[in-house]
């Protein structure tokens, strides 16, 4: 029972701490998304372990697996939203960079389009690193 309570308490903490993040990620790309989520998850796991590890180790481990499963389900939902915004941001940046590097008048040719595309791709990779 106490391990179940620890699981419930920890997941409630996770839910309350991710509420703002969840709303933000629905609307836009969230800077520092992974780091914010890691801190929240670490807090929840620490809270669970502080309570559950005082009791039966086997039951504590089973409930821990359940907690991780519940958290992972929510993280997948959040990650999918963040990923969608990330893809939109990548495409916007890619289009902007291509417009900057290709001739504006449409009359000139690019000597090495592959190099332009590769350089733009590298710039985008660095931007998100």
N, C-alpha and C. Protein backbone atom coordinates (compact mmCIF):
# COMPACT_ATOMS: atom_id res chain seq x y z
N UNK A 1 0.83 -1.20 0.00
CA UNK A 1 0.00 0.00 0.00
C UNK A 1 0.87 1.26 0.00
N UNK A 2 1.90 1.26 0.80
CA UNK A 2 2.73 2.45 0.89
C UNK A 2 3.51 2.69 -0.39
N UNK A 3 3.91 1.64 -1.06
CA UNK A 3 4.59 1.80 -2.34
C UNK A 3 3.62 2.33 -3.39
N UNK A 4 2.39 1.88 -3.32
CA UNK A 4 1.36 2.40 -4.23
C UNK A 4 1.14 3.89 -3.97
N UNK A 5 1.13 4.25 -2.71
CA UNK A 5 0.98 5.67 -2.36
C UNK A 5 2.17 6.47 -2.88
N UNK A 6 3.37 5.93 -2.75
CA UNK A 6 4.57 6.61 -3.25
C UNK A 6 4.50 6.80 -4.76
N UNK A 7 4.02 5.76 -5.45
CA UNK A 7 3.85 5.84 -6.91
C UNK A 7 2.86 6.95 -7.25
N UNK A 8 1.72 6.96 -6.60
CA UNK A 8 0.68 7.96 -6.87
C UNK A 8 1.19 9.36 -6.57
N UNK A 9 1.84 9.51 -5.44
CA UNK A 9 2.37 10.82 -5.05
C UNK A 9 3.41 11.32 -6.06
N UNK A 10 4.29 10.44 -6.49
CA UNK A 10 5.34 10.81 -7.44
C UNK A 10 4.77 11.16 -8.80
N UNK A 11 3.78 10.39 -9.25
CA UNK A 11 3.18 10.69 -10.55
C UNK A 11 2.36 11.97 -10.50
N UNK A 12 1.72 12.24 -9.38
CA UNK A 12 0.99 13.50 -9.22
C UNK A 12 1.96 14.68 -9.27
N UNK A 13 3.11 14.52 -8.66
CA UNK A 13 4.15 15.56 -8.74
C UNK A 13 4.57 15.77 -10.19
N UNK A 14 4.80 14.66 -10.90
CA UNK A 14 5.17 14.75 -12.32
C UNK A 14 4.09 15.50 -13.11
N UNK A 15 2.85 15.13 -12.90
CA UNK A 15 1.74 15.76 -13.62
C UNK A 15 1.64 17.25 -13.32
N UNK A 16 1.77 17.61 -12.07
CA UNK A 16 1.66 19.03 -11.72
C UNK A 16 2.86 19.82 -12.23
N UNK A 17 4.06 19.23 -12.16
CA UNK A 17 5.27 19.94 -12.61
C UNK A 17 5.35 20.05 -14.13
N UNK A 18 4.68 19.16 -14.85
CA UNK A 18 4.72 19.23 -16.32
C UNK A 18 3.51 19.95 -16.90
N UNK A 19 2.61 20.43 -16.06
CA UNK A 19 1.39 21.07 -16.56
C UNK A 19 1.70 22.29 -17.44
N UNK A 20 2.54 23.18 -16.98
CA UNK A 20 2.89 24.37 -17.76
C UNK A 20 3.67 23.96 -19.00
N UNK A 21 4.61 23.05 -18.84
CA UNK A 21 5.40 22.57 -19.98
C UNK A 21 4.49 21.95 -21.03
N UNK A 22 3.51 21.20 -20.59
CA UNK A 22 2.56 20.56 -21.50
C UNK A 22 1.77 21.60 -22.30
N UNK A 23 1.31 22.64 -21.63
CA UNK A 23 0.58 23.70 -22.33
C UNK A 23 1.49 24.44 -23.30
N UNK A 24 2.71 24.72 -22.87
CA UNK A 24 3.66 25.43 -23.74
C UNK A 24 3.99 24.64 -24.99
N UNK A 25 4.25 23.35 -24.82
CA UNK A 25 4.67 22.52 -25.95
C UNK A 25 3.51 22.28 -26.93
N UNK A 26 2.29 22.46 -26.48
CA UNK A 26 1.14 22.36 -27.39
C UNK A 26 1.16 23.51 -28.39
N UNK A 27 1.66 24.68 -27.94
CA UNK A 27 1.59 25.89 -28.75
C UNK A 27 2.87 26.23 -29.51
N UNK A 28 4.01 25.81 -29.00
CA UNK A 28 5.27 26.27 -29.59
C UNK A 28 6.43 25.35 -29.23
N UNK A 29 7.53 25.57 -29.92
CA UNK A 29 8.79 24.91 -29.61
C UNK A 29 9.28 25.44 -28.26
N UNK A 30 9.65 24.56 -27.36
CA UNK A 30 10.08 24.96 -26.02
C UNK A 30 11.60 24.80 -25.92
N UNK A 31 12.28 25.93 -25.74
CA UNK A 31 13.73 25.89 -25.53
C UNK A 31 14.04 25.15 -24.24
N UNK A 32 15.07 24.34 -24.24
CA UNK A 32 15.47 23.61 -23.04
C UNK A 32 14.50 22.54 -22.61
N UNK A 33 13.68 22.07 -23.54
CA UNK A 33 12.64 21.08 -23.25
C UNK A 33 13.20 19.84 -22.55
N UNK A 34 14.23 19.25 -23.11
CA UNK A 34 14.80 18.03 -22.54
C UNK A 34 15.37 18.23 -21.16
N UNK A 35 16.08 19.33 -20.97
CA UNK A 35 16.67 19.61 -19.65
C UNK A 35 15.58 19.83 -18.61
N UNK A 36 14.53 20.56 -18.98
CA UNK A 36 13.42 20.80 -18.05
C UNK A 36 12.77 19.48 -17.66
N UNK A 37 12.54 18.64 -18.64
CA UNK A 37 11.90 17.35 -18.38
C UNK A 37 12.79 16.45 -17.53
N UNK A 38 14.09 16.47 -17.79
CA UNK A 38 15.02 15.65 -16.99
C UNK A 38 14.98 16.04 -15.51
N UNK A 39 14.93 17.34 -15.23
CA UNK A 39 14.88 17.80 -13.84
C UNK A 39 13.59 17.31 -13.17
N UNK A 40 12.49 17.44 -13.87
CA UNK A 40 11.20 17.01 -13.31
C UNK A 40 11.19 15.51 -13.05
N UNK A 41 11.66 14.73 -14.00
CA UNK A 41 11.70 13.27 -13.85
C UNK A 41 12.60 12.89 -12.67
N UNK A 42 13.76 13.52 -12.56
CA UNK A 42 14.68 13.23 -11.46
C UNK A 42 14.02 13.52 -10.11
N UNK A 43 13.28 14.63 -10.02
CA UNK A 43 12.59 14.96 -8.77
C UNK A 43 11.56 13.89 -8.42
N UNK A 44 10.81 13.46 -9.41
CA UNK A 44 9.76 12.46 -9.18
C UNK A 44 10.35 11.11 -8.76
N UNK A 45 11.40 10.71 -9.42
CA UNK A 45 12.04 9.44 -9.08
C UNK A 45 12.64 9.52 -7.67
N UNK A 46 13.26 10.65 -7.36
CA UNK A 46 13.84 10.80 -6.02
C UNK A 46 12.75 10.75 -4.94
N UNK A 47 11.64 11.41 -5.19
CA UNK A 47 10.52 11.38 -4.24
C UNK A 47 10.03 9.95 -4.05
N UNK A 48 9.88 9.23 -5.15
CA UNK A 48 9.42 7.84 -5.07
C UNK A 48 10.39 7.00 -4.26
N UNK A 49 11.66 7.09 -4.60
CA UNK A 49 12.66 6.24 -3.93
C UNK A 49 12.79 6.57 -2.45
N UNK A 50 12.69 7.85 -2.12
CA UNK A 50 12.78 8.23 -0.70
C UNK A 50 11.71 7.52 0.12
N UNK A 51 10.53 7.37 -0.45
CA UNK A 51 9.44 6.73 0.28
C UNK A 51 9.44 5.22 0.10
N UNK A 52 9.45 4.77 -1.13
CA UNK A 52 9.25 3.34 -1.42
C UNK A 52 10.39 2.45 -0.96
N UNK A 53 11.60 2.95 -0.96
CA UNK A 53 12.74 2.11 -0.60
C UNK A 53 12.80 1.80 0.89
N UNK A 54 11.90 2.36 1.65
CA UNK A 54 11.81 2.04 3.08
C UNK A 54 11.04 0.74 3.30
N UNK A 55 10.40 0.25 2.25
CA UNK A 55 9.50 -0.89 2.37
C UNK A 55 10.03 -2.06 1.55
N UNK A 56 9.18 -3.01 1.29
CA UNK A 56 9.56 -4.23 0.58
C UNK A 56 10.23 -3.88 -0.75
N UNK A 57 11.46 -4.36 -0.91
CA UNK A 57 12.26 -4.01 -2.09
C UNK A 57 11.64 -4.52 -3.39
N UNK A 58 11.10 -5.72 -3.34
CA UNK A 58 10.50 -6.30 -4.55
C UNK A 58 9.27 -5.50 -4.98
N UNK A 59 8.42 -5.19 -4.04
CA UNK A 59 7.23 -4.40 -4.36
C UNK A 59 7.63 -2.99 -4.81
N UNK A 60 8.63 -2.43 -4.16
CA UNK A 60 9.11 -1.09 -4.53
C UNK A 60 9.61 -1.09 -5.97
N UNK A 61 10.31 -2.15 -6.36
CA UNK A 61 10.81 -2.24 -7.74
C UNK A 61 9.66 -2.39 -8.73
N UNK A 62 8.67 -3.19 -8.40
CA UNK A 62 7.51 -3.35 -9.29
C UNK A 62 6.78 -2.03 -9.49
N UNK A 63 6.58 -1.31 -8.40
CA UNK A 63 5.88 -0.02 -8.49
C UNK A 63 6.74 1.01 -9.22
N UNK A 64 8.06 0.90 -9.07
CA UNK A 64 8.96 1.80 -9.80
C UNK A 64 8.81 1.60 -11.30
N UNK A 65 8.73 0.35 -11.71
CA UNK A 65 8.53 0.05 -13.14
C UNK A 65 7.20 0.65 -13.61
N UNK A 66 6.18 0.57 -12.80
CA UNK A 66 4.88 1.17 -13.14
C UNK A 66 4.99 2.68 -13.25
N UNK A 67 5.72 3.28 -12.32
CA UNK A 67 5.91 4.74 -12.35
C UNK A 67 6.64 5.15 -13.63
N UNK A 68 7.69 4.46 -13.95
CA UNK A 68 8.46 4.77 -15.17
C UNK A 68 7.57 4.62 -16.40
N UNK A 69 6.76 3.58 -16.43
CA UNK A 69 5.86 3.37 -17.56
C UNK A 69 4.87 4.54 -17.70
N UNK A 70 4.30 4.98 -16.60
CA UNK A 70 3.35 6.10 -16.63
C UNK A 70 4.04 7.39 -17.08
N UNK A 71 5.23 7.62 -16.56
CA UNK A 71 5.98 8.82 -16.95
C UNK A 71 6.36 8.77 -18.42
N UNK A 72 6.83 7.61 -18.88
CA UNK A 72 7.21 7.47 -20.29
C UNK A 72 6.05 7.73 -21.22
N UNK A 73 4.87 7.29 -20.85
CA UNK A 73 3.68 7.52 -21.67
C UNK A 73 3.43 9.02 -21.83
N UNK A 74 3.54 9.76 -20.74
CA UNK A 74 3.33 11.20 -20.81
C UNK A 74 4.46 11.90 -21.55
N UNK A 75 5.68 11.43 -21.36
CA UNK A 75 6.84 12.02 -22.04
C UNK A 75 6.70 11.84 -23.55
N UNK A 76 6.21 10.69 -23.98
CA UNK A 76 6.02 10.46 -25.42
C UNK A 76 5.05 11.48 -26.00
N UNK A 77 3.97 11.75 -25.29
CA UNK A 77 3.01 12.74 -25.74
C UNK A 77 3.65 14.12 -25.84
N UNK A 78 4.39 14.51 -24.81
CA UNK A 78 5.07 15.80 -24.81
C UNK A 78 6.12 15.87 -25.91
N UNK A 79 6.89 14.79 -26.05
CA UNK A 79 7.94 14.75 -27.06
C UNK A 79 7.36 14.86 -28.47
N UNK A 80 6.25 14.20 -28.73
CA UNK A 80 5.64 14.28 -30.05
C UNK A 80 5.26 15.71 -30.40
N UNK A 81 4.72 16.45 -29.45
CA UNK A 81 4.39 17.85 -29.69
C UNK A 81 5.65 18.67 -29.93
N UNK A 82 6.66 18.45 -29.11
CA UNK A 82 7.92 19.19 -29.27
C UNK A 82 8.56 18.86 -30.62
N UNK A 83 8.52 17.62 -31.01
CA UNK A 83 9.10 17.20 -32.28
C UNK A 83 8.41 17.88 -33.46
N UNK A 84 7.09 17.98 -33.40
CA UNK A 84 6.35 18.65 -34.47
C UNK A 84 6.80 20.11 -34.61
N UNK A 85 6.94 20.79 -33.48
CA UNK A 85 7.39 22.18 -33.52
C UNK A 85 8.84 22.28 -33.99
N UNK A 86 9.65 21.31 -33.60
CA UNK A 86 11.04 21.29 -34.04
C UNK A 86 11.12 21.14 -35.55
N UNK A 87 10.33 20.25 -36.11
CA UNK A 87 10.33 20.06 -37.56
C UNK A 87 9.89 21.34 -38.28
N UNK A 88 8.89 22.02 -37.76
CA UNK A 88 8.45 23.28 -38.35
C UNK A 88 9.57 24.32 -38.29
N UNK A 89 10.25 24.37 -37.16
CA UNK A 89 11.35 25.32 -36.98
C UNK A 89 12.51 25.01 -37.93
N UNK A 90 12.82 23.75 -38.09
CA UNK A 90 13.88 23.34 -39.01
C UNK A 90 13.53 23.76 -40.44
N UNK A 91 12.31 23.52 -40.85
CA UNK A 91 11.91 23.87 -42.22
C UNK A 91 11.91 25.38 -42.42
N UNK A 92 11.46 26.14 -41.43
CA UNK A 92 11.51 27.61 -41.54
C UNK A 92 12.94 28.09 -41.67
N UNK A 93 13.82 27.56 -40.84
CA UNK A 93 15.22 27.95 -40.90
C UNK A 93 15.85 27.53 -42.22
N UNK A 94 15.53 26.33 -42.67
CA UNK A 94 16.06 25.84 -43.95
C UNK A 94 15.61 26.76 -45.10
N UNK A 95 14.35 27.09 -45.16
CA UNK A 95 13.83 27.96 -46.21
C UNK A 95 14.48 29.34 -46.15
N UNK A 96 14.63 29.88 -44.95
CA UNK A 96 15.27 31.18 -44.80
C UNK A 96 16.71 31.13 -45.29
N UNK A 97 17.46 30.13 -44.86
CA UNK A 97 18.86 30.00 -45.26
C UNK A 97 19.00 29.82 -46.78
N UNK A 98 18.11 29.02 -47.36
CA UNK A 98 18.17 28.81 -48.82
C UNK A 98 17.87 30.13 -49.55
N UNK A 99 16.90 30.88 -49.09
CA UNK A 99 16.60 32.18 -49.73
C UNK A 99 17.79 33.12 -49.63
N UNK A 100 18.52 33.06 -48.53
CA UNK A 100 19.68 33.93 -48.35
C UNK A 100 20.84 33.54 -49.27
N UNK A 101 20.97 32.27 -49.58
CA UNK A 101 22.15 31.79 -50.31
C UNK A 101 21.93 31.62 -51.81
N UNK A 102 20.69 31.52 -52.22
CA UNK A 102 20.43 31.36 -53.66
C UNK A 102 20.23 32.73 -54.30
N UNK A 103 20.56 32.85 -55.59
CA UNK A 103 20.37 34.13 -56.28
C UNK A 103 18.91 34.58 -56.20
N UNK A 104 18.73 35.87 -55.95
CA UNK A 104 17.40 36.41 -55.72
C UNK A 104 16.60 36.63 -57.00
N UNK A 105 17.28 36.92 -58.08
CA UNK A 105 16.55 37.29 -59.29
C UNK A 105 16.07 36.09 -60.12
N UNK A 106 16.52 34.92 -59.79
CA UNK A 106 16.08 33.73 -60.52
C UNK A 106 16.73 33.57 -61.88
N UNK A 107 17.55 34.51 -62.29
CA UNK A 107 18.21 34.46 -63.59
C UNK A 107 19.59 33.83 -63.51
N UNK A 108 20.21 33.92 -62.36
CA UNK A 108 21.56 33.39 -62.20
C UNK A 108 21.50 31.93 -61.77
N UNK A 109 22.56 31.21 -62.04
CA UNK A 109 22.67 29.81 -61.62
C UNK A 109 23.64 29.71 -60.45
N UNK A 110 23.49 28.68 -59.70
CA UNK A 110 24.41 28.39 -58.60
C UNK A 110 25.41 27.38 -59.12
N UNK A 111 26.68 27.65 -58.88
CA UNK A 111 27.73 26.77 -59.38
C UNK A 111 27.65 25.38 -58.75
N UNK A 112 27.36 25.31 -57.48
CA UNK A 112 27.33 24.01 -56.79
C UNK A 112 26.17 23.99 -55.80
N UNK A 113 25.01 23.62 -56.29
CA UNK A 113 23.81 23.58 -55.45
C UNK A 113 23.99 22.60 -54.29
N UNK A 114 24.66 21.50 -54.53
CA UNK A 114 24.90 20.52 -53.47
C UNK A 114 25.67 21.12 -52.31
N UNK A 115 26.66 21.96 -52.60
CA UNK A 115 27.44 22.61 -51.55
C UNK A 115 26.57 23.60 -50.77
N UNK A 116 25.71 24.33 -51.48
CA UNK A 116 24.81 25.27 -50.81
C UNK A 116 23.90 24.51 -49.85
N UNK A 117 23.30 23.44 -50.33
CA UNK A 117 22.40 22.64 -49.50
C UNK A 117 23.15 22.04 -48.31
N UNK A 118 24.35 21.54 -48.54
CA UNK A 118 25.15 20.95 -47.46
C UNK A 118 25.51 22.01 -46.42
N UNK A 119 25.88 23.21 -46.87
CA UNK A 119 26.22 24.28 -45.92
C UNK A 119 25.01 24.72 -45.12
N UNK A 120 23.87 24.81 -45.76
CA UNK A 120 22.64 25.17 -45.05
C UNK A 120 22.32 24.09 -44.02
N UNK A 121 22.42 22.83 -44.41
CA UNK A 121 22.17 21.73 -43.48
C UNK A 121 23.09 21.77 -42.28
N UNK A 122 24.36 22.08 -42.52
CA UNK A 122 25.33 22.17 -41.43
C UNK A 122 25.00 23.34 -40.50
N UNK A 123 24.60 24.47 -41.08
CA UNK A 123 24.20 25.62 -40.26
C UNK A 123 23.02 25.27 -39.37
N UNK A 124 22.06 24.56 -39.91
CA UNK A 124 20.88 24.18 -39.15
C UNK A 124 21.26 23.20 -38.04
N UNK A 125 22.12 22.24 -38.35
CA UNK A 125 22.58 21.29 -37.33
C UNK A 125 23.27 22.02 -36.18
N UNK A 126 24.12 22.98 -36.51
CA UNK A 126 24.82 23.75 -35.46
C UNK A 126 23.84 24.57 -34.64
N UNK A 127 22.81 25.12 -35.30
CA UNK A 127 21.82 25.93 -34.60
C UNK A 127 21.12 25.13 -33.51
N UNK A 128 20.83 23.87 -33.78
CA UNK A 128 20.09 23.05 -32.82
C UNK A 128 21.00 22.22 -31.92
N UNK A 129 22.31 22.36 -32.05
CA UNK A 129 23.24 21.61 -31.20
C UNK A 129 23.48 22.32 -29.90
